[in-house]
Amino acid sequence: MTAPDAMNLLRQKVTELGQAEVARRLDVSAAAISQLLSGKYQASPDNILRRVVEVFGGLSVDCPVLGEIPLAQCSDERKKPFTTANHQAVALWRACQGCQQNR
């Protein structure tokens, strides 16, 4: 999905859900969303737009451990720290380290 597509998706979701709810789901501040939509965001919007696609894009990936999962779940799993809590957590962490989704 291109940056303009992600911006359009962001605008659509803000209209549907409201700015505060979108910000909560993206784990960013409502001010950042407001600035991004108004063209006043000073930093690079790439991270926020990537998160928009992950959370709202409806895309899925084929995880070698969990199978077909939503991209948002993939993103959440790859952000988790290493833990030896169970064998699946270890397998996920190892798989995420070499995954093309992990930038």
N, C-alpha and C. Protein backbone atom coordinates (compact mmCIF):
# COMPACT_ATOMS: atom_id res chain seq x y z
N MET A 1 0.85 -1.17 0.00
CA MET A 1 0.00 0.00 0.00
C MET A 1 0.90 1.23 0.00
N THR A 2 0.60 2.19 -0.84
CA THR A 2 1.41 3.39 -0.94
C THR A 2 1.06 4.38 0.17
N ALA A 3 1.92 5.37 0.36
CA ALA A 3 1.68 6.39 1.40
C ALA A 3 0.36 7.13 1.18
N PRO A 4 0.05 7.55 -0.07
CA PRO A 4 -1.26 8.20 -0.26
C PRO A 4 -2.44 7.27 0.08
N ASP A 5 -2.31 6.00 -0.24
CA ASP A 5 -3.36 5.04 0.12
C ASP A 5 -3.50 4.92 1.63
N ALA A 6 -2.37 4.88 2.32
CA ALA A 6 -2.40 4.80 3.78
C ALA A 6 -3.00 6.06 4.38
N MET A 7 -2.71 7.21 3.81
CA MET A 7 -3.31 8.47 4.29
C MET A 7 -4.82 8.46 4.08
N ASN A 8 -5.25 7.97 2.93
CA ASN A 8 -6.69 7.88 2.67
C ASN A 8 -7.36 6.92 3.66
N LEU A 9 -6.70 5.81 3.94
CA LEU A 9 -7.23 4.86 4.91
C LEU A 9 -7.29 5.49 6.29
N LEU A 10 -6.27 6.26 6.65
CA LEU A 10 -6.27 6.96 7.94
C LEU A 10 -7.43 7.93 8.02
N ARG A 11 -7.63 8.73 6.98
CA ARG A 11 -8.75 9.68 6.97
C ARG A 11 -10.09 8.95 7.12
N GLN A 12 -10.23 7.84 6.40
CA GLN A 12 -11.46 7.07 6.46
C GLN A 12 -11.72 6.55 7.87
N LYS A 13 -10.69 6.02 8.51
CA LYS A 13 -10.85 5.46 9.85
C LYS A 13 -11.12 6.54 10.88
N VAL A 14 -10.52 7.72 10.71
CA VAL A 14 -10.80 8.83 11.62
C VAL A 14 -12.26 9.25 11.49
N THR A 15 -12.77 9.27 10.26
CA THR A 15 -14.18 9.60 10.04
C THR A 15 -15.08 8.55 10.68
N GLU A 16 -14.74 7.28 10.54
CA GLU A 16 -15.56 6.20 11.08
C GLU A 16 -15.50 6.10 12.60
N LEU A 17 -14.26 6.14 13.15
CA LEU A 17 -14.05 5.82 14.56
C LEU A 17 -13.77 7.02 15.45
N GLY A 18 -13.35 8.11 14.85
CA GLY A 18 -12.94 9.26 15.62
C GLY A 18 -11.43 9.27 15.81
N GLN A 19 -10.89 10.45 15.96
CA GLN A 19 -9.45 10.63 16.05
C GLN A 19 -8.85 9.96 17.29
N ALA A 20 -9.52 10.08 18.43
CA ALA A 20 -8.99 9.51 19.67
C ALA A 20 -8.91 7.98 19.59
N GLU A 21 -9.95 7.34 19.03
CA GLU A 21 -9.96 5.88 18.93
C GLU A 21 -8.91 5.38 17.95
N VAL A 22 -8.75 6.07 16.83
CA VAL A 22 -7.72 5.70 15.86
C VAL A 22 -6.34 5.82 16.50
N ALA A 23 -6.10 6.91 17.20
CA ALA A 23 -4.82 7.12 17.86
C ALA A 23 -4.56 6.01 18.89
N ARG A 24 -5.59 5.63 19.64
CA ARG A 24 -5.44 4.57 20.64
C ARG A 24 -5.07 3.24 19.97
N ARG A 25 -5.75 2.93 18.88
CA ARG A 25 -5.48 1.66 18.19
C ARG A 25 -4.10 1.64 17.54
N LEU A 26 -3.63 2.81 17.13
CA LEU A 26 -2.31 2.89 16.50
C LEU A 26 -1.20 3.05 17.53
N ASP A 27 -1.58 3.30 18.78
CA ASP A 27 -0.62 3.53 19.86
C ASP A 27 0.24 4.76 19.61
N VAL A 28 -0.44 5.83 19.16
CA VAL A 28 0.19 7.14 18.98
C VAL A 28 -0.73 8.18 19.62
N SER A 29 -0.25 9.40 19.73
CA SER A 29 -1.08 10.43 20.34
C SER A 29 -2.10 10.97 19.34
N ALA A 30 -3.20 11.45 19.87
CA ALA A 30 -4.22 12.08 19.03
C ALA A 30 -3.65 13.33 18.36
N ALA A 31 -2.73 14.00 19.03
CA ALA A 31 -2.09 15.18 18.45
C ALA A 31 -1.29 14.81 17.21
N ALA A 32 -0.61 13.68 17.26
CA ALA A 32 0.16 13.23 16.10
C ALA A 32 -0.76 12.97 14.91
N ILE A 33 -1.90 12.35 15.16
CA ILE A 33 -2.87 12.09 14.10
C ILE A 33 -3.38 13.41 13.53
N SER A 34 -3.72 14.33 14.40
CA SER A 34 -4.21 15.64 13.97
C SER A 34 -3.18 16.37 13.11
N GLN A 35 -1.93 16.38 13.56
CA GLN A 35 -0.87 17.04 12.80
C GLN A 35 -0.63 16.36 11.46
N LEU A 36 -0.66 15.05 11.45
CA LEU A 36 -0.45 14.31 10.21
C LEU A 36 -1.55 14.62 9.20
N LEU A 37 -2.79 14.65 9.65
CA LEU A 37 -3.91 14.92 8.75
C LEU A 37 -3.93 16.36 8.25
N SER A 38 -3.41 17.27 9.06
CA SER A 38 -3.40 18.68 8.65
C SER A 38 -2.14 19.07 7.89
N GLY A 39 -1.20 18.12 7.73
CA GLY A 39 0.03 18.41 7.01
C GLY A 39 1.07 19.14 7.83
N LYS A 40 0.92 19.15 9.13
CA LYS A 40 1.84 19.88 10.01
C LYS A 40 2.74 18.96 10.82
N TYR A 41 2.70 17.68 10.53
CA TYR A 41 3.52 16.71 11.27
C TYR A 41 4.98 16.92 10.87
N GLN A 42 5.85 17.20 11.84
CA GLN A 42 7.23 17.57 11.57
C GLN A 42 8.14 16.38 11.28
N ALA A 43 7.85 15.26 11.87
CA ALA A 43 8.69 14.07 11.68
C ALA A 43 8.23 13.32 10.42
N SER A 44 8.97 12.29 10.08
CA SER A 44 8.58 11.44 8.96
C SER A 44 7.32 10.66 9.36
N PRO A 45 6.32 10.63 8.49
CA PRO A 45 5.09 9.92 8.81
C PRO A 45 5.16 8.41 8.55
N ASP A 46 6.29 7.93 8.09
CA ASP A 46 6.40 6.54 7.66
C ASP A 46 5.99 5.53 8.72
N ASN A 47 6.43 5.71 9.96
CA ASN A 47 6.09 4.75 11.01
C ASN A 47 4.60 4.72 11.31
N ILE A 48 3.99 5.90 11.35
CA ILE A 48 2.55 5.95 11.62
C ILE A 48 1.78 5.35 10.45
N LEU A 49 2.17 5.67 9.23
CA LEU A 49 1.46 5.14 8.06
C LEU A 49 1.64 3.63 7.95
N ARG A 50 2.81 3.12 8.31
CA ARG A 50 3.01 1.67 8.31
C ARG A 50 2.08 1.02 9.34
N ARG A 51 1.93 1.67 10.48
CA ARG A 51 1.03 1.14 11.53
C ARG A 51 -0.43 1.20 11.07
N VAL A 52 -0.80 2.25 10.32
CA VAL A 52 -2.15 2.35 9.77
C VAL A 52 -2.45 1.13 8.90
N VAL A 53 -1.50 0.78 8.05
CA VAL A 53 -1.67 -0.37 7.16
C VAL A 53 -1.75 -1.66 7.98
N GLU A 54 -0.90 -1.78 8.99
CA GLU A 54 -0.90 -2.98 9.82
C GLU A 54 -2.23 -3.17 10.54
N VAL A 55 -2.73 -2.09 11.11
CA VAL A 55 -3.92 -2.19 11.96
C VAL A 55 -5.21 -2.19 11.15
N PHE A 56 -5.29 -1.34 10.14
CA PHE A 56 -6.56 -1.15 9.42
C PHE A 56 -6.56 -1.67 7.99
N GLY A 57 -5.43 -2.15 7.51
CA GLY A 57 -5.34 -2.54 6.11
C GLY A 57 -6.00 -3.85 5.76
N GLY A 58 -6.34 -4.66 6.76
CA GLY A 58 -7.00 -5.92 6.49
C GLY A 58 -6.10 -6.95 5.83
N LEU A 59 -4.80 -6.75 5.92
CA LEU A 59 -3.85 -7.67 5.30
C LEU A 59 -3.51 -8.80 6.26
N SER A 60 -3.10 -9.91 5.70
CA SER A 60 -2.67 -11.03 6.53
C SER A 60 -1.32 -11.54 6.01
N VAL A 61 -0.63 -12.26 6.85
CA VAL A 61 0.67 -12.84 6.50
C VAL A 61 0.68 -14.31 6.91
N ASP A 62 1.58 -15.06 6.31
CA ASP A 62 1.73 -16.46 6.64
C ASP A 62 2.89 -16.61 7.62
N CYS A 63 2.56 -16.72 8.89
CA CYS A 63 3.56 -16.88 9.94
C CYS A 63 4.01 -18.33 9.98
N PRO A 64 5.33 -18.58 10.03
CA PRO A 64 5.79 -19.97 10.08
C PRO A 64 5.42 -20.69 11.37
N VAL A 65 5.07 -19.95 12.40
CA VAL A 65 4.71 -20.56 13.68
C VAL A 65 3.18 -20.61 13.88
N LEU A 66 2.50 -19.50 13.58
CA LEU A 66 1.07 -19.41 13.85
C LEU A 66 0.18 -19.64 12.64
N GLY A 67 0.77 -19.71 11.45
CA GLY A 67 -0.03 -19.85 10.23
C GLY A 67 -0.51 -18.49 9.74
N GLU A 68 -1.64 -18.46 9.08
CA GLU A 68 -2.19 -17.21 8.52
C GLU A 68 -2.72 -16.35 9.66
N ILE A 69 -2.14 -15.14 9.82
CA ILE A 69 -2.55 -14.23 10.89
C ILE A 69 -2.68 -12.82 10.32
N PRO A 70 -3.49 -11.96 10.96
CA PRO A 70 -3.57 -10.57 10.53
C PRO A 70 -2.22 -9.87 10.70
N LEU A 71 -1.93 -8.94 9.81
CA LEU A 71 -0.67 -8.20 9.87
C LEU A 71 -0.52 -7.47 11.20
N ALA A 72 -1.63 -7.00 11.76
CA ALA A 72 -1.56 -6.33 13.07
C ALA A 72 -1.07 -7.28 14.15
N GLN A 73 -1.52 -8.52 14.14
CA GLN A 73 -1.06 -9.50 15.12
C GLN A 73 0.42 -9.80 14.90
N CYS A 74 0.82 -9.90 13.64
CA CYS A 74 2.23 -10.11 13.32
C CYS A 74 3.09 -8.99 13.92
N SER A 75 2.63 -7.77 13.71
CA SER A 75 3.35 -6.62 14.25
C SER A 75 3.46 -6.69 15.77
N ASP A 76 2.37 -7.04 16.42
CA ASP A 76 2.38 -7.14 17.89
C ASP A 76 3.32 -8.24 18.36
N GLU A 77 3.32 -9.38 17.68
CA GLU A 77 4.17 -10.50 18.08
C GLU A 77 5.65 -10.16 17.92
N ARG A 78 6.00 -9.50 16.82
CA ARG A 78 7.42 -9.23 16.58
C ARG A 78 7.98 -8.13 17.49
N LYS A 79 7.11 -7.39 18.16
CA LYS A 79 7.56 -6.35 19.09
C LYS A 79 7.80 -6.88 20.50
N LYS A 80 7.36 -8.11 20.74
CA LYS A 80 7.51 -8.68 22.07
C LYS A 80 8.97 -9.04 22.34
N PRO A 81 9.41 -8.84 23.57
CA PRO A 81 10.79 -9.21 23.91
C PRO A 81 10.93 -10.73 24.02
N PHE A 82 12.17 -11.18 23.98
CA PHE A 82 12.43 -12.61 24.11
C PHE A 82 12.01 -13.09 25.48
N THR A 83 11.36 -14.23 25.51
CA THR A 83 10.97 -14.85 26.77
C THR A 83 11.01 -16.37 26.61
N THR A 84 11.29 -17.03 27.68
CA THR A 84 11.28 -18.50 27.66
C THR A 84 10.03 -19.03 28.35
N ALA A 85 8.98 -18.23 28.36
CA ALA A 85 7.74 -18.60 29.04
C ALA A 85 7.15 -19.91 28.53
N ASN A 86 7.25 -20.12 27.23
CA ASN A 86 6.77 -21.37 26.65
C ASN A 86 7.45 -21.59 25.31
N HIS A 87 7.31 -22.80 24.78
CA HIS A 87 8.03 -23.13 23.55
C HIS A 87 7.54 -22.31 22.36
N GLN A 88 6.25 -21.94 22.34
CA GLN A 88 5.73 -21.15 21.22
C GLN A 88 6.30 -19.74 21.23
N ALA A 89 6.46 -19.15 22.40
CA ALA A 89 7.05 -17.82 22.50
C ALA A 89 8.48 -17.81 21.98
N VAL A 90 9.24 -18.84 22.28
CA VAL A 90 10.62 -18.96 21.79
C VAL A 90 10.62 -19.14 20.28
N ALA A 91 9.75 -20.01 19.78
CA ALA A 91 9.67 -20.25 18.33
C ALA A 91 9.26 -18.99 17.59
N LEU A 92 8.31 -18.24 18.14
CA LEU A 92 7.89 -16.98 17.51
C LEU A 92 9.03 -15.98 17.47
N TRP A 93 9.72 -15.82 18.59
CA TRP A 93 10.82 -14.85 18.64
C TRP A 93 11.88 -15.21 17.60
N ARG A 94 12.23 -16.48 17.52
CA ARG A 94 13.23 -16.91 16.54
C ARG A 94 12.77 -16.67 15.11
N ALA A 95 11.52 -17.00 14.83
CA ALA A 95 10.99 -16.80 13.48
C ALA A 95 10.92 -15.32 13.12
N CYS A 96 10.57 -14.50 14.07
CA CYS A 96 10.45 -13.06 13.82
C CYS A 96 11.80 -12.41 13.50
N GLN A 97 12.87 -12.96 14.06
CA GLN A 97 14.19 -12.36 13.86
C GLN A 97 14.61 -12.38 12.39
N GLY A 98 14.20 -13.38 11.64
CA GLY A 98 14.59 -13.47 10.23
C GLY A 98 13.45 -13.17 9.27
N CYS A 99 12.33 -12.72 9.76
CA CYS A 99 11.15 -12.50 8.92
C CYS A 99 11.27 -11.21 8.12
N GLN A 100 10.76 -11.25 6.89
CA GLN A 100 10.80 -10.07 6.03
C GLN A 100 9.88 -8.97 6.55
N GLN A 101 8.90 -9.31 7.37
CA GLN A 101 8.02 -8.28 7.96
C GLN A 101 8.72 -7.49 9.06
N ASN A 102 9.79 -8.03 9.61
CA ASN A 102 10.53 -7.40 10.71
C ASN A 102 11.59 -6.49 10.13
N ARG A 103 11.31 -5.22 10.11
CA ARG A 103 12.24 -4.24 9.52
C ARG A 103 13.16 -3.65 10.55
